[in-house]
Amino acid sequence: TLSQRFHSQEAVREAKREQKITDEIA
């Protein structure tokens, strides 16, 4: 359960990083 939570949170963080990069490029 801890691992799943970590991976879910990491996926959210990664999506935010990718969105930030996309926004900066735009």
mmCIF file of all heavy atoms, coordinates in Angstrom:
data_MODEL
# 
_entry.id   MODEL 
# 
loop_
_atom_site.group_PDB 
_atom_site.id 
_atom_site.type_symbol 
_atom_site.label_atom_id 
_atom_site.label_alt_id 
_atom_site.label_comp_id 
_atom_site.label_asym_id 
_atom_site.label_entity_id 
_atom_site.label_seq_id 
_atom_site.pdbx_PDB_ins_code 
_atom_site.Cartn_x 
_atom_site.Cartn_y 
_atom_site.Cartn_z 
_atom_site.occupancy 
_atom_site.B_iso_or_equiv 
_atom_site.pdbx_formal_charge 
_atom_site.auth_seq_id 
_atom_site.auth_comp_id 
_atom_site.auth_asym_id 
_atom_site.auth_atom_id 
_atom_site.pdbx_PDB_model_num 
ATOM 1   N N   . THR A 1 1  ? 0.839  -1.201 0.000   1.00 0.00 ? 1  THR A N   1 
ATOM 2   C CA  . THR A 1 1  ? 0.000  0.000  0.000   1.00 0.00 ? 1  THR A CA  1 
ATOM 3   C C   . THR A 1 1  ? 0.874  1.250  0.000   1.00 0.00 ? 1  THR A C   1 
ATOM 4   O O   . THR A 1 1  ? 0.614  2.202  -0.748  1.00 0.00 ? 1  THR A O   1 
ATOM 5   C CB  . THR A 1 1  ? -0.949 0.006  1.216   1.00 0.00 ? 1  THR A CB  1 
ATOM 6   O OG1 . THR A 1 1  ? -1.794 -1.135 1.133   1.00 0.00 ? 1  THR A OG1 1 
ATOM 7   C CG2 . THR A 1 1  ? -1.795 1.251  1.266   1.00 0.00 ? 1  THR A CG2 1 
ATOM 8   N N   . LEU A 1 2  ? 1.929  1.237  0.810   1.00 0.00 ? 2  LEU A N   1 
ATOM 9   C CA  . LEU A 1 2  ? 2.862  2.372  0.817   1.00 0.00 ? 2  LEU A CA  1 
ATOM 10  C C   . LEU A 1 2  ? 3.494  2.552  -0.555  1.00 0.00 ? 2  LEU A C   1 
ATOM 11  O O   . LEU A 1 2  ? 3.626  3.680  -1.045  1.00 0.00 ? 2  LEU A O   1 
ATOM 12  C CB  . LEU A 1 2  ? 3.967  2.153  1.864   1.00 0.00 ? 2  LEU A CB  1 
ATOM 13  C CG  . LEU A 1 2  ? 3.577  2.300  3.325   1.00 0.00 ? 2  LEU A CG  1 
ATOM 14  C CD1 . LEU A 1 2  ? 4.751  1.901  4.213   1.00 0.00 ? 2  LEU A CD1 1 
ATOM 15  C CD2 . LEU A 1 2  ? 3.134  3.720  3.622   1.00 0.00 ? 2  LEU A CD2 1 
ATOM 16  N N   . SER A 1 3  ? 3.876  1.474  -1.168  1.00 0.00 ? 3  SER A N   1 
ATOM 17  C CA  . SER A 1 3  ? 4.486  1.531  -2.496  1.00 0.00 ? 3  SER A CA  1 
ATOM 18  C C   . SER A 1 3  ? 3.504  2.097  -3.526  1.00 0.00 ? 3  SER A C   1 
ATOM 19  O O   . SER A 1 3  ? 3.872  2.954  -4.338  1.00 0.00 ? 3  SER A O   1 
ATOM 20  C CB  . SER A 1 3  ? 4.929  0.127  -2.924  1.00 0.00 ? 3  SER A CB  1 
ATOM 21  O OG  . SER A 1 3  ? 5.392  0.130  -4.245  1.00 0.00 ? 3  SER A OG  1 
ATOM 22  N N   . GLN A 1 4  ? 2.283  1.631  -3.489  1.00 0.00 ? 4  GLN A N   1 
ATOM 23  C CA  . GLN A 1 4  ? 1.272  2.135  -4.431  1.00 0.00 ? 4  GLN A CA  1 
ATOM 24  C C   . GLN A 1 4  ? 1.023  3.624  -4.227  1.00 0.00 ? 4  GLN A C   1 
ATOM 25  O O   . GLN A 1 4  ? 0.920  4.375  -5.209  1.00 0.00 ? 4  GLN A O   1 
ATOM 26  C CB  . GLN A 1 4  ? -0.027 1.345  -4.289  1.00 0.00 ? 4  GLN A CB  1 
ATOM 27  C CG  . GLN A 1 4  ? 0.077  -0.069 -4.819  1.00 0.00 ? 4  GLN A CG  1 
ATOM 28  C CD  . GLN A 1 4  ? -1.178 -0.873 -4.563  1.00 0.00 ? 4  GLN A CD  1 
ATOM 29  O OE1 . GLN A 1 4  ? -2.206 -0.352 -4.161  1.00 0.00 ? 4  GLN A OE1 1 
ATOM 30  N NE2 . GLN A 1 4  ? -1.099 -2.165 -4.793  1.00 0.00 ? 4  GLN A NE2 1 
ATOM 31  N N   . ARG A 1 5  ? 0.944  4.054  -2.989  1.00 0.00 ? 5  ARG A N   1 
ATOM 32  C CA  . ARG A 1 5  ? 0.761  5.482  -2.708  1.00 0.00 ? 5  ARG A CA  1 
ATOM 33  C C   . ARG A 1 5  ? 1.939  6.290  -3.235  1.00 0.00 ? 5  ARG A C   1 
ATOM 34  O O   . ARG A 1 5  ? 1.767  7.340  -3.849  1.00 0.00 ? 5  ARG A O   1 
ATOM 35  C CB  . ARG A 1 5  ? 0.606  5.728  -1.203  1.00 0.00 ? 5  ARG A CB  1 
ATOM 36  C CG  . ARG A 1 5  ? -0.728 5.351  -0.666  1.00 0.00 ? 5  ARG A CG  1 
ATOM 37  C CD  . ARG A 1 5  ? -0.816 5.685  0.814   1.00 0.00 ? 5  ARG A CD  1 
ATOM 38  N NE  . ARG A 1 5  ? -1.998 5.091  1.397   1.00 0.00 ? 5  ARG A NE  1 
ATOM 39  C CZ  . ARG A 1 5  ? -2.140 4.806  2.668   1.00 0.00 ? 5  ARG A CZ  1 
ATOM 40  N NH1 . ARG A 1 5  ? -1.167 5.067  3.525   1.00 0.00 ? 5  ARG A NH1 1 
ATOM 41  N NH2 . ARG A 1 5  ? -3.244 4.258  3.120   1.00 0.00 ? 5  ARG A NH2 1 
ATOM 42  N N   . PHE A 1 6  ? 3.146  5.802  -2.979  1.00 0.00 ? 6  PHE A N   1 
ATOM 43  C CA  . PHE A 1 6  ? 4.343  6.489  -3.445  1.00 0.00 ? 6  PHE A CA  1 
ATOM 44  C C   . PHE A 1 6  ? 4.310  6.628  -4.968  1.00 0.00 ? 6  PHE A C   1 
ATOM 45  O O   . PHE A 1 6  ? 4.548  7.703  -5.508  1.00 0.00 ? 6  PHE A O   1 
ATOM 46  C CB  . PHE A 1 6  ? 5.611  5.735  -3.014  1.00 0.00 ? 6  PHE A CB  1 
ATOM 47  C CG  . PHE A 1 6  ? 6.853  6.270  -3.645  1.00 0.00 ? 6  PHE A CG  1 
ATOM 48  C CD1 . PHE A 1 6  ? 7.478  7.396  -3.128  1.00 0.00 ? 6  PHE A CD1 1 
ATOM 49  C CD2 . PHE A 1 6  ? 7.390  5.667  -4.780  1.00 0.00 ? 6  PHE A CD2 1 
ATOM 50  C CE1 . PHE A 1 6  ? 8.627  7.904  -3.719  1.00 0.00 ? 6  PHE A CE1 1 
ATOM 51  C CE2 . PHE A 1 6  ? 8.530  6.170  -5.371  1.00 0.00 ? 6  PHE A CE2 1 
ATOM 52  C CZ  . PHE A 1 6  ? 9.150  7.290  -4.849  1.00 0.00 ? 6  PHE A CZ  1 
ATOM 53  N N   . HIS A 1 7  ? 4.028  5.526  -5.658  1.00 0.00 ? 7  HIS A N   1 
ATOM 54  C CA  . HIS A 1 7  ? 4.018  5.555  -7.120  1.00 0.00 ? 7  HIS A CA  1 
ATOM 55  C C   . HIS A 1 7  ? 2.910  6.456  -7.658  1.00 0.00 ? 7  HIS A C   1 
ATOM 56  O O   . HIS A 1 7  ? 3.115  7.136  -8.676  1.00 0.00 ? 7  HIS A O   1 
ATOM 57  C CB  . HIS A 1 7  ? 3.938  4.144  -7.694  1.00 0.00 ? 7  HIS A CB  1 
ATOM 58  C CG  . HIS A 1 7  ? 5.190  3.345  -7.483  1.00 0.00 ? 7  HIS A CG  1 
ATOM 59  N ND1 . HIS A 1 7  ? 6.404  3.701  -8.015  1.00 0.00 ? 7  HIS A ND1 1 
ATOM 60  C CD2 . HIS A 1 7  ? 5.422  2.218  -6.764  1.00 0.00 ? 7  HIS A CD2 1 
ATOM 61  C CE1 . HIS A 1 7  ? 7.331  2.826  -7.654  1.00 0.00 ? 7  HIS A CE1 1 
ATOM 62  N NE2 . HIS A 1 7  ? 6.760  1.920  -6.884  1.00 0.00 ? 7  HIS A NE2 1 
ATOM 63  N N   . SER A 1 8  ? 1.772  6.469  -6.997  1.00 0.00 ? 8  SER A N   1 
ATOM 64  C CA  . SER A 1 8  ? 0.687  7.377  -7.413  1.00 0.00 ? 8  SER A CA  1 
ATOM 65  C C   . SER A 1 8  ? 1.112  8.828  -7.242  1.00 0.00 ? 8  SER A C   1 
ATOM 66  O O   . SER A 1 8  ? 0.911  9.655  -8.140  1.00 0.00 ? 8  SER A O   1 
ATOM 67  C CB  . SER A 1 8  ? -0.580 7.126  -6.584  1.00 0.00 ? 8  SER A CB  1 
ATOM 68  O OG  . SER A 1 8  ? -1.097 5.860  -6.863  1.00 0.00 ? 8  SER A OG  1 
ATOM 69  N N   . GLN A 1 9  ? 1.715  9.145  -6.102  1.00 0.00 ? 9  GLN A N   1 
ATOM 70  C CA  . GLN A 1 9  ? 2.175  10.510 -5.853  1.00 0.00 ? 9  GLN A CA  1 
ATOM 71  C C   . GLN A 1 9  ? 3.285  10.881 -6.833  1.00 0.00 ? 9  GLN A C   1 
ATOM 72  O O   . GLN A 1 9  ? 3.333  12.006 -7.334  1.00 0.00 ? 9  GLN A O   1 
ATOM 73  C CB  . GLN A 1 9  ? 2.670  10.662 -4.407  1.00 0.00 ? 9  GLN A CB  1 
ATOM 74  C CG  . GLN A 1 9  ? 1.562  10.581 -3.389  1.00 0.00 ? 9  GLN A CG  1 
ATOM 75  C CD  . GLN A 1 9  ? 2.089  10.453 -1.955  1.00 0.00 ? 9  GLN A CD  1 
ATOM 76  O OE1 . GLN A 1 9  ? 3.277  10.275 -1.732  1.00 0.00 ? 9  GLN A OE1 1 
ATOM 77  N NE2 . GLN A 1 9  ? 1.171  10.527 -0.997  1.00 0.00 ? 9  GLN A NE2 1 
ATOM 78  N N   . GLU A 1 10 ? 4.150  9.953  -7.116  1.00 0.00 ? 10 GLU A N   1 
ATOM 79  C CA  . GLU A 1 10 ? 5.240  10.207 -8.060  1.00 0.00 ? 10 GLU A CA  1 
ATOM 80  C C   . GLU A 1 10 ? 4.680  10.439 -9.463  1.00 0.00 ? 10 GLU A C   1 
ATOM 81  O O   . GLU A 1 10 ? 5.182  11.297 -10.194 1.00 0.00 ? 10 GLU A O   1 
ATOM 82  C CB  . GLU A 1 10 ? 6.231  9.037  -8.053  1.00 0.00 ? 10 GLU A CB  1 
ATOM 83  C CG  . GLU A 1 10 ? 7.520  9.317  -8.748  1.00 0.00 ? 10 GLU A CG  1 
ATOM 84  C CD  . GLU A 1 10 ? 8.309  10.481 -8.180  1.00 0.00 ? 10 GLU A CD  1 
ATOM 85  O OE1 . GLU A 1 10 ? 8.194  10.790 -6.979  1.00 0.00 ? 10 GLU A OE1 1 
ATOM 86  O OE2 . GLU A 1 10 ? 9.049  11.106 -8.962  1.00 0.00 ? 10 GLU A OE2 1 
ATOM 87  N N   . ALA A 1 11 ? 3.645  9.717  -9.841  1.00 0.00 ? 11 ALA A N   1 
ATOM 88  C CA  . ALA A 1 11 ? 3.020  9.916  -11.148 1.00 0.00 ? 11 ALA A CA  1 
ATOM 89  C C   . ALA A 1 11 ? 2.404  11.309 -11.239 1.00 0.00 ? 11 ALA A C   1 
ATOM 90  O O   . ALA A 1 11 ? 2.513  11.979 -12.276 1.00 0.00 ? 11 ALA A O   1 
ATOM 91  C CB  . ALA A 1 11 ? 1.957  8.845  -11.400 1.00 0.00 ? 11 ALA A CB  1 
ATOM 92  N N   . VAL A 1 12 ? 1.778  11.765 -10.157 1.00 0.00 ? 12 VAL A N   1 
ATOM 93  C CA  . VAL A 1 12 ? 1.195  13.119 -10.131 1.00 0.00 ? 12 VAL A CA  1 
ATOM 94  C C   . VAL A 1 12 ? 2.308  14.155 -10.258 1.00 0.00 ? 12 VAL A C   1 
ATOM 95  O O   . VAL A 1 12 ? 2.197  15.113 -11.035 1.00 0.00 ? 12 VAL A O   1 
ATOM 96  C CB  . VAL A 1 12 ? 0.361  13.336 -8.842  1.00 0.00 ? 12 VAL A CB  1 
ATOM 97  C CG1 . VAL A 1 12 ? 0.006  14.803 -8.652  1.00 0.00 ? 12 VAL A CG1 1 
ATOM 98  C CG2 . VAL A 1 12 ? -0.884 12.469 -8.866  1.00 0.00 ? 12 VAL A CG2 1 
ATOM 99  N N   . ARG A 1 13 ? 3.402  13.971 -9.503  1.00 0.00 ? 13 ARG A N   1 
ATOM 100 C CA  . ARG A 1 13 ? 4.535  14.908 -9.582  1.00 0.00 ? 13 ARG A CA  1 
ATOM 101 C C   . ARG A 1 13 ? 5.124  14.933 -10.987 1.00 0.00 ? 13 ARG A C   1 
ATOM 102 O O   . ARG A 1 13 ? 5.438  15.990 -11.531 1.00 0.00 ? 13 ARG A O   1 
ATOM 103 C CB  . ARG A 1 13 ? 5.612  14.541 -8.558  1.00 0.00 ? 13 ARG A CB  1 
ATOM 104 C CG  . ARG A 1 13 ? 5.297  14.981 -7.145  1.00 0.00 ? 13 ARG A CG  1 
ATOM 105 C CD  . ARG A 1 13 ? 6.517  14.847 -6.226  1.00 0.00 ? 13 ARG A CD  1 
ATOM 106 N NE  . ARG A 1 13 ? 6.881  13.467 -5.933  1.00 0.00 ? 13 ARG A NE  1 
ATOM 107 C CZ  . ARG A 1 13 ? 6.387  12.751 -4.933  1.00 0.00 ? 13 ARG A CZ  1 
ATOM 108 N NH1 . ARG A 1 13 ? 5.505  13.279 -4.110  1.00 0.00 ? 13 ARG A NH1 1 
ATOM 109 N NH2 . ARG A 1 13 ? 6.782  11.515 -4.748  1.00 0.00 ? 13 ARG A NH2 1 
ATOM 110 N N   . GLU A 1 14 ? 5.268  13.764 -11.597 1.00 0.00 ? 14 GLU A N   1 
ATOM 111 C CA  . GLU A 1 14 ? 5.826  13.681 -12.947 1.00 0.00 ? 14 GLU A CA  1 
ATOM 112 C C   . GLU A 1 14 ? 4.900  14.357 -13.954 1.00 0.00 ? 14 GLU A C   1 
ATOM 113 O O   . GLU A 1 14 ? 5.367  15.079 -14.846 1.00 0.00 ? 14 GLU A O   1 
ATOM 114 C CB  . GLU A 1 14 ? 6.057  12.213 -13.329 1.00 0.00 ? 14 GLU A CB  1 
ATOM 115 C CG  . GLU A 1 14 ? 6.770  12.013 -14.644 1.00 0.00 ? 14 GLU A CG  1 
ATOM 116 C CD  . GLU A 1 14 ? 8.199  12.530 -14.660 1.00 0.00 ? 14 GLU A CD  1 
ATOM 117 O OE1 . GLU A 1 14 ? 8.854  12.594 -13.603 1.00 0.00 ? 14 GLU A OE1 1 
ATOM 118 O OE2 . GLU A 1 14 ? 8.674  12.884 -15.749 1.00 0.00 ? 14 GLU A OE2 1 
ATOM 119 N N   . ALA A 1 15 ? 3.613  14.175 -13.800 1.00 0.00 ? 15 ALA A N   1 
ATOM 120 C CA  . ALA A 1 15 ? 2.656  14.827 -14.699 1.00 0.00 ? 15 ALA A CA  1 
ATOM 121 C C   . ALA A 1 15 ? 2.736  16.347 -14.555 1.00 0.00 ? 15 ALA A C   1 
ATOM 122 O O   . ALA A 1 15 ? 2.674  17.082 -15.551 1.00 0.00 ? 15 ALA A O   1 
ATOM 123 C CB  . ALA A 1 15 ? 1.238  14.333 -14.418 1.00 0.00 ? 15 ALA A CB  1 
ATOM 124 N N   . LYS A 1 16 ? 2.884  16.816 -13.315 1.00 0.00 ? 16 LYS A N   1 
ATOM 125 C CA  . LYS A 1 16 ? 3.014  18.261 -13.092 1.00 0.00 ? 16 LYS A CA  1 
ATOM 126 C C   . LYS A 1 16 ? 4.299  18.786 -13.731 1.00 0.00 ? 16 LYS A C   1 
ATOM 127 O O   . LYS A 1 16 ? 4.300  19.862 -14.333 1.00 0.00 ? 16 LYS A O   1 
ATOM 128 C CB  . LYS A 1 16 ? 2.995  18.589 -11.598 1.00 0.00 ? 16 LYS A CB  1 
ATOM 129 C CG  . LYS A 1 16 ? 1.622  18.477 -10.981 1.00 0.00 ? 16 LYS A CG  1 
ATOM 130 C CD  . LYS A 1 16 ? 1.664  18.807 -9.497  1.00 0.00 ? 16 LYS A CD  1 
ATOM 131 C CE  . LYS A 1 16 ? 0.294  18.668 -8.872  1.00 0.00 ? 16 LYS A CE  1 
ATOM 132 N NZ  . LYS A 1 16 ? 0.328  18.955 -7.429  1.00 0.00 ? 16 LYS A NZ  1 
ATOM 133 N N   . ARG A 1 17 ? 5.403  18.048 -13.610 1.00 0.00 ? 17 ARG A N   1 
ATOM 134 C CA  . ARG A 1 17 ? 6.673  18.466 -14.221 1.00 0.00 ? 17 ARG A CA  1 
ATOM 135 C C   . ARG A 1 17 ? 6.532  18.535 -15.735 1.00 0.00 ? 17 ARG A C   1 
ATOM 136 O O   . ARG A 1 17 ? 6.980  19.487 -16.381 1.00 0.00 ? 17 ARG A O   1 
ATOM 137 C CB  . ARG A 1 17 ? 7.798  17.492 -13.849 1.00 0.00 ? 17 ARG A CB  1 
ATOM 138 C CG  . ARG A 1 17 ? 8.390  17.712 -12.477 1.00 0.00 ? 17 ARG A CG  1 
ATOM 139 C CD  . ARG A 1 17 ? 9.669  16.908 -12.272 1.00 0.00 ? 17 ARG A CD  1 
ATOM 140 N NE  . ARG A 1 17 ? 9.445  15.471 -12.166 1.00 0.00 ? 17 ARG A NE  1 
ATOM 141 C CZ  . ARG A 1 17 ? 9.306  14.813 -11.014 1.00 0.00 ? 17 ARG A CZ  1 
ATOM 142 N NH1 . ARG A 1 17 ? 9.392  15.448 -9.859  1.00 0.00 ? 17 ARG A NH1 1 
ATOM 143 N NH2 . ARG A 1 17 ? 9.099  13.525 -11.007 1.00 0.00 ? 17 ARG A NH2 1 
ATOM 144 N N   . GLU A 1 18 ? 5.915  17.505 -16.298 1.00 0.00 ? 18 GLU A N   1 
ATOM 145 C CA  . GLU A 1 18 ? 5.720  17.503 -17.752 1.00 0.00 ? 18 GLU A CA  1 
ATOM 146 C C   . GLU A 1 18 ? 4.822  18.659 -18.189 1.00 0.00 ? 18 GLU A C   1 
ATOM 147 O O   . GLU A 1 18 ? 5.080  19.296 -19.209 1.00 0.00 ? 18 GLU A O   1 
ATOM 148 C CB  . GLU A 1 18 ? 5.137  16.162 -18.203 1.00 0.00 ? 18 GLU A CB  1 
ATOM 149 C CG  . GLU A 1 18 ? 6.125  15.020 -18.114 1.00 0.00 ? 18 GLU A CG  1 
ATOM 150 C CD  . GLU A 1 18 ? 5.514  13.668 -18.453 1.00 0.00 ? 18 GLU A CD  1 
ATOM 151 O OE1 . GLU A 1 18 ? 4.366  13.619 -18.944 1.00 0.00 ? 18 GLU A OE1 1 
ATOM 152 O OE2 . GLU A 1 18 ? 6.206  12.655 -18.230 1.00 0.00 ? 18 GLU A OE2 1 
ATOM 153 N N   . GLN A 1 19 ? 3.768  18.938 -17.411 1.00 0.00 ? 19 GLN A N   1 
ATOM 154 C CA  . GLN A 1 19 ? 2.868  20.044 -17.755 1.00 0.00 ? 19 GLN A CA  1 
ATOM 155 C C   . GLN A 1 19 ? 3.604  21.373 -17.684 1.00 0.00 ? 19 GLN A C   1 
ATOM 156 O O   . GLN A 1 19 ? 3.438  22.240 -18.539 1.00 0.00 ? 19 GLN A O   1 
ATOM 157 C CB  . GLN A 1 19 ? 1.650  20.065 -16.821 1.00 0.00 ? 19 GLN A CB  1 
ATOM 158 C CG  . GLN A 1 19 ? 0.616  21.116 -17.185 1.00 0.00 ? 19 GLN A CG  1 
ATOM 159 C CD  . GLN A 1 19 ? 0.036  20.877 -18.570 1.00 0.00 ? 19 GLN A CD  1 
ATOM 160 O OE1 . GLN A 1 19 ? -0.355 19.778 -18.910 1.00 0.00 ? 19 GLN A OE1 1 
ATOM 161 N NE2 . GLN A 1 19 ? -0.014 21.939 -19.379 1.00 0.00 ? 19 GLN A NE2 1 
ATOM 162 N N   . LYS A 1 20 ? 4.465  21.515 -16.680 1.00 0.00 ? 20 LYS A N   1 
ATOM 163 C CA  . LYS A 1 20 ? 5.242  22.744 -16.524 1.00 0.00 ? 20 LYS A CA  1 
ATOM 164 C C   . LYS A 1 20 ? 6.165  22.935 -17.724 1.00 0.00 ? 20 LYS A C   1 
ATOM 165 O O   . LYS A 1 20 ? 6.265  24.033 -18.284 1.00 0.00 ? 20 LYS A O   1 
ATOM 166 C CB  . LYS A 1 20 ? 6.053  22.698 -15.227 1.00 0.00 ? 20 LYS A CB  1 
ATOM 167 C CG  . LYS A 1 20 ? 6.831  23.964 -14.943 1.00 0.00 ? 20 LYS A CG  1 
ATOM 168 C CD  . LYS A 1 20 ? 7.576  23.846 -13.627 1.00 0.00 ? 20 LYS A CD  1 
ATOM 169 C CE  . LYS A 1 20 ? 8.415  25.093 -13.379 1.00 0.00 ? 20 LYS A CE  1 
ATOM 170 N NZ  . LYS A 1 20 ? 9.208  24.991 -12.174 1.00 0.00 ? 20 LYS A NZ  1 
ATOM 171 N N   . ILE A 1 21 ? 6.827  21.860 -18.140 1.00 0.00 ? 21 ILE A N   1 
ATOM 172 C CA  . ILE A 1 21 ? 7.720  21.941 -19.302 1.00 0.00 ? 21 ILE A CA  1 
ATOM 173 C C   . ILE A 1 21 ? 6.919  22.293 -20.551 1.00 0.00 ? 21 ILE A C   1 
ATOM 174 O O   . ILE A 1 21 ? 7.321  23.158 -21.346 1.00 0.00 ? 21 ILE A O   1 
ATOM 175 C CB  . ILE A 1 21 ? 8.489  20.615 -19.487 1.00 0.00 ? 21 ILE A CB  1 
ATOM 176 C CG1 . ILE A 1 21 ? 9.486  20.443 -18.347 1.00 0.00 ? 21 ILE A CG1 1 
ATOM 177 C CG2 . ILE A 1 21 ? 9.198  20.566 -20.835 1.00 0.00 ? 21 ILE A CG2 1 
ATOM 178 C CD1 . ILE A 1 21 ? 10.125 19.060 -18.283 1.00 0.00 ? 21 ILE A CD1 1 
ATOM 179 N N   . THR A 1 22 ? 5.769  21.665 -20.721 1.00 0.00 ? 22 THR A N   1 
ATOM 180 C CA  . THR A 1 22 ? 4.915  21.951 -21.877 1.00 0.00 ? 22 THR A CA  1 
ATOM 181 C C   . THR A 1 22 ? 4.462  23.408 -21.862 1.00 0.00 ? 22 THR A C   1 
ATOM 182 O O   . THR A 1 22 ? 4.476  24.088 -22.899 1.00 0.00 ? 22 THR A O   1 
ATOM 183 C CB  . THR A 1 22 ? 3.686  21.011 -21.887 1.00 0.00 ? 22 THR A CB  1 
ATOM 184 O OG1 . THR A 1 22 ? 4.148  19.664 -21.885 1.00 0.00 ? 22 THR A OG1 1 
ATOM 185 C CG2 . THR A 1 22 ? 2.802  21.236 -23.081 1.00 0.00 ? 22 THR A CG2 1 
ATOM 186 N N   . ASP A 1 23 ? 4.078  23.898 -20.689 1.00 0.00 ? 23 ASP A N   1 
ATOM 187 C CA  . ASP A 1 23 ? 3.646  25.298 -20.567 1.00 0.00 ? 23 ASP A CA  1 
ATOM 188 C C   . ASP A 1 23 ? 4.788  26.252 -20.896 1.00 0.00 ? 23 ASP A C   1 
ATOM 189 O O   . ASP A 1 23 ? 4.598  27.267 -21.576 1.00 0.00 ? 23 ASP A O   1 
ATOM 190 C CB  . ASP A 1 23 ? 3.107  25.587 -19.159 1.00 0.00 ? 23 ASP A CB  1 
ATOM 191 C CG  . ASP A 1 23 ? 1.785  24.887 -18.886 1.00 0.00 ? 23 ASP A CG  1 
ATOM 192 O OD1 . ASP A 1 23 ? 1.159  24.385 -19.853 1.00 0.00 ? 23 ASP A OD1 1 
ATOM 193 O OD2 . ASP A 1 23 ? 1.381  24.826 -17.698 1.00 0.00 ? 23 ASP A OD2 1 
ATOM 194 N N   . GLU A 1 24 ? 6.003  25.933 -20.425 1.00 0.00 ? 24 GLU A N   1 
ATOM 195 C CA  . GLU A 1 24 ? 7.157  26.789 -20.699 1.00 0.00 ? 24 GLU A CA  1 
ATOM 196 C C   . GLU A 1 24 ? 7.462  26.823 -22.196 1.00 0.00 ? 24 GLU A C   1 
ATOM 197 O O   . GLU A 1 24 ? 7.755  27.876 -22.760 1.00 0.00 ? 24 GLU A O   1 
ATOM 198 C CB  . GLU A 1 24 ? 8.385  26.309 -19.917 1.00 0.00 ? 24 GLU A CB  1 
ATOM 199 C CG  . GLU A 1 24 ? 8.304  26.592 -18.432 1.00 0.00 ? 24 GLU A CG  1 
ATOM 200 C CD  . GLU A 1 24 ? 9.476  25.990 -17.660 1.00 0.00 ? 24 GLU A CD  1 
ATOM 201 O OE1 . GLU A 1 24 ? 10.373 25.361 -18.271 1.00 0.00 ? 24 GLU A OE1 1 
ATOM 202 O OE2 . GLU A 1 24 ? 9.490  26.151 -16.421 1.00 0.00 ? 24 GLU A OE2 1 
ATOM 203 N N   . ILE A 1 25 ? 7.389  25.683 -22.842 1.00 0.00 ? 25 ILE A N   1 
ATOM 204 C CA  . ILE A 1 25 ? 7.646  25.628 -24.287 1.00 0.00 ? 25 ILE A CA  1 
ATOM 205 C C   . ILE A 1 25 ? 6.593  26.443 -25.034 1.00 0.00 ? 25 ILE A C   1 
ATOM 206 O O   . ILE A 1 25 ? 6.913  27.219 -25.944 1.00 0.00 ? 25 ILE A O   1 
ATOM 207 C CB  . ILE A 1 25 ? 7.675  24.160 -24.781 1.00 0.00 ? 25 ILE A CB  1 
ATOM 208 C CG1 . ILE A 1 25 ? 8.900  23.449 -24.204 1.00 0.00 ? 25 ILE A CG1 1 
ATOM 209 C CG2 . ILE A 1 25 ? 7.651  24.091 -26.295 1.00 0.00 ? 25 ILE A CG2 1 
ATOM 210 C CD1 . ILE A 1 25 ? 8.934  21.949 -24.441 1.00 0.00 ? 25 ILE A CD1 1 
ATOM 211 N N   . ALA A 1 26 ? 5.335  26.286 -24.632 1.00 0.00 ? 26 ALA A N   1 
ATOM 212 C CA  . ALA A 1 26 ? 4.254  27.040 -25.279 1.00 0.00 ? 26 ALA A CA  1 
ATOM 213 C C   . ALA A 1 26 ? 4.442  28.537 -25.053 1.00 0.00 ? 26 ALA A C   1 
ATOM 214 O O   . ALA A 1 26 ? 4.238  29.351 -25.983 1.00 0.00 ? 26 ALA A O   1 
ATOM 215 C CB  . ALA A 1 26 ? 2.895  26.592 -24.755 1.00 0.00 ? 26 ALA A CB  1 
# 
